[in-house]
Amino acid sequence: MRQAVTNSRASSSCPRSRRASTCDVSERQVGVFGLLDSVFCPVVKDVRSVDQSVFVIHSLQDTVIHIRNAYEVQASVPVRSLFPPLYVDAGHNDIDVLQGAKMLIHIRRFMLHCRIHSP
């Protein structure tokens, strides 16, 4: 059994549902991150072949790995593996501190989902 909980990486454009302020990264910056991500952590490409549930957790204020990366990963998850993502108001390394209770609730839901839907 292979479930994936990922702090995503890869570049993309921001969904229209997000405010512009969460997505204003220069295209040059995104291009560099996208290139490095494709070499060191090709999550977007790899997630397409996952056959178990995938849960993307990412912070909206992350200044290291832009939220666009999470959107791209989530968009690449096969429908059969899709689980609702969790986007929280936090930075790169403080999701557990600022949103720990919320994160644990969603991880528990994901684990239950995996028990019910795993072959």
Protein backbone atom coordinates (compact mmCIF):
# COMPACT_ATOMS: atom_id res chain seq x y z
CA MET A 1 0.00 0.00 0.00
CA ARG A 2 1.43 3.34 -1.02
CA GLN A 3 -0.22 6.57 0.09
CA ALA A 4 1.39 9.90 -0.55
CA VAL A 5 1.39 12.89 1.75
CA THR A 6 3.37 15.53 -0.03
CA ASN A 7 4.67 18.99 0.54
CA SER A 8 4.57 19.70 -3.15
CA ARG A 9 7.07 21.10 -5.62
CA ALA A 10 6.80 22.21 -9.28
CA SER A 11 5.68 25.33 -11.05
CA SER A 12 2.32 26.38 -12.45
CA SER A 13 -0.06 29.25 -12.73
CA CYS A 14 -2.34 30.07 -9.85
CA PRO A 15 -5.98 28.94 -9.93
CA ARG A 16 -8.43 31.76 -10.48
CA SER A 17 -9.98 31.04 -7.07
CA ARG A 18 -6.84 32.29 -5.26
CA ARG A 19 -6.20 35.97 -4.66
CA ALA A 20 -3.38 37.44 -6.73
CA SER A 21 -1.39 38.26 -3.59
CA THR A 22 -0.79 34.56 -2.93
CA CYS A 23 0.55 34.05 -6.44
CA ASP A 24 2.78 37.00 -7.25
CA VAL A 25 6.10 35.33 -7.93
CA SER A 26 8.09 36.48 -10.93
CA GLU A 27 8.01 34.09 -13.88
CA ARG A 28 11.81 33.98 -13.79
CA GLN A 29 11.74 32.80 -10.19
CA VAL A 30 9.07 30.18 -10.93
CA GLY A 31 11.06 28.99 -13.96
CA VAL A 32 14.18 28.47 -11.86
CA PHE A 33 12.24 26.61 -9.16
CA GLY A 34 10.47 24.52 -11.80
CA LEU A 35 13.80 23.56 -13.36
CA LEU A 36 15.38 22.66 -10.01
CA ASP A 37 12.27 20.78 -8.92
CA SER A 38 12.24 18.73 -12.10
CA VAL A 39 15.82 17.65 -11.38
CA PHE A 40 15.76 17.17 -7.59
CA CYS A 41 12.13 16.44 -6.78
CA PRO A 42 9.94 15.69 -9.81
CA VAL A 43 6.72 15.33 -7.78
CA VAL A 44 4.40 16.56 -10.52
CA LYS A 45 5.64 13.94 -12.95
CA ASP A 46 5.84 11.15 -10.37
CA VAL A 47 2.41 11.72 -8.81
CA ARG A 48 0.72 10.89 -12.12
CA SER A 49 1.60 7.22 -11.64
CA VAL A 50 0.46 6.89 -8.01
CA ASP A 51 -2.39 4.41 -7.67
CA GLN A 52 -3.24 5.08 -4.02
CA SER A 53 -4.65 8.14 -2.29
CA VAL A 54 -2.65 11.37 -2.35
CA PHE A 55 -3.02 14.14 0.23
CA VAL A 56 -1.33 17.47 -0.54
CA ILE A 57 -0.63 19.75 2.43
CA HIS A 58 0.87 23.16 1.74
CA SER A 59 1.02 26.57 3.37
CA LEU A 60 -0.28 29.69 1.66
CA GLN A 61 2.54 31.90 3.00
CA ASP A 62 5.46 29.59 2.14
CA THR A 63 8.36 31.70 0.86
CA VAL A 64 10.56 28.68 0.06
CA ILE A 65 8.20 26.52 -2.01
CA HIS A 66 5.48 28.62 -3.62
CA ILE A 67 1.81 27.61 -3.32
CA ARG A 68 1.74 27.27 -7.12
CA ASN A 69 3.66 24.05 -6.62
CA ALA A 70 0.87 22.54 -4.54
CA TYR A 71 -1.71 23.53 -7.13
CA GLU A 72 0.32 21.84 -9.88
CA VAL A 73 0.77 18.65 -7.85
CA GLN A 74 -2.93 18.53 -6.97
CA ALA A 75 -3.86 19.06 -10.63
CA SER A 76 -1.58 16.15 -11.60
CA VAL A 77 -3.03 13.62 -9.14
CA PRO A 78 -5.04 10.98 -11.01
CA VAL A 79 -8.76 11.18 -10.24
CA ARG A 80 -8.69 7.67 -8.73
CA SER A 81 -6.12 8.91 -6.16
CA LEU A 82 -7.59 12.30 -5.41
CA PHE A 83 -8.14 13.40 -1.81
CA PRO A 84 -9.02 17.04 -0.97
CA PRO A 85 -5.87 19.12 -0.36
CA LEU A 86 -5.20 21.17 2.75
CA TYR A 87 -3.93 24.71 2.16
CA VAL A 88 -3.29 26.53 5.44
CA ASP A 89 -2.25 29.99 6.57
CA ALA A 90 1.34 29.32 7.64
CA GLY A 91 4.93 29.61 6.42
CA HIS A 92 7.42 27.00 5.22
CA ASN A 93 8.27 25.23 8.49
CA ASP A 94 5.49 26.24 10.87
CA ILE A 95 2.35 24.45 9.68
CA ASP A 96 2.43 22.17 12.71
CA VAL A 97 2.87 25.12 15.09
CA LEU A 98 0.30 27.48 13.56
CA GLN A 99 -2.19 24.96 12.18
CA GLY A 100 -1.33 21.74 14.03
CA ALA A 101 -4.83 20.85 15.19
CA LYS A 102 -6.33 21.46 11.75
CA MET A 103 -3.53 19.47 10.11
CA LEU A 104 -4.02 16.50 12.45
CA ILE A 105 -7.77 16.43 11.82
CA HIS A 106 -7.16 16.28 8.07
CA ILE A 107 -4.43 13.65 8.38
CA ARG A 108 -6.80 11.49 10.44
CA ARG A 109 -9.48 11.90 7.74
CA PHE A 110 -6.94 10.93 5.12
CA MET A 111 -5.90 7.84 7.06
CA LEU A 112 -9.55 6.79 7.43
CA HIS A 113 -10.08 7.40 3.73
CA CYS A 114 -7.08 5.17 2.96
CA ARG A 115 -8.40 2.36 5.17
CA ILE A 116 -11.77 2.47 3.43
CA HIS A 117 -10.50 2.86 -0.14
CA SER A 118 -7.32 0.75 -0.20
CA PRO A 119 -7.40 -2.52 -2.11
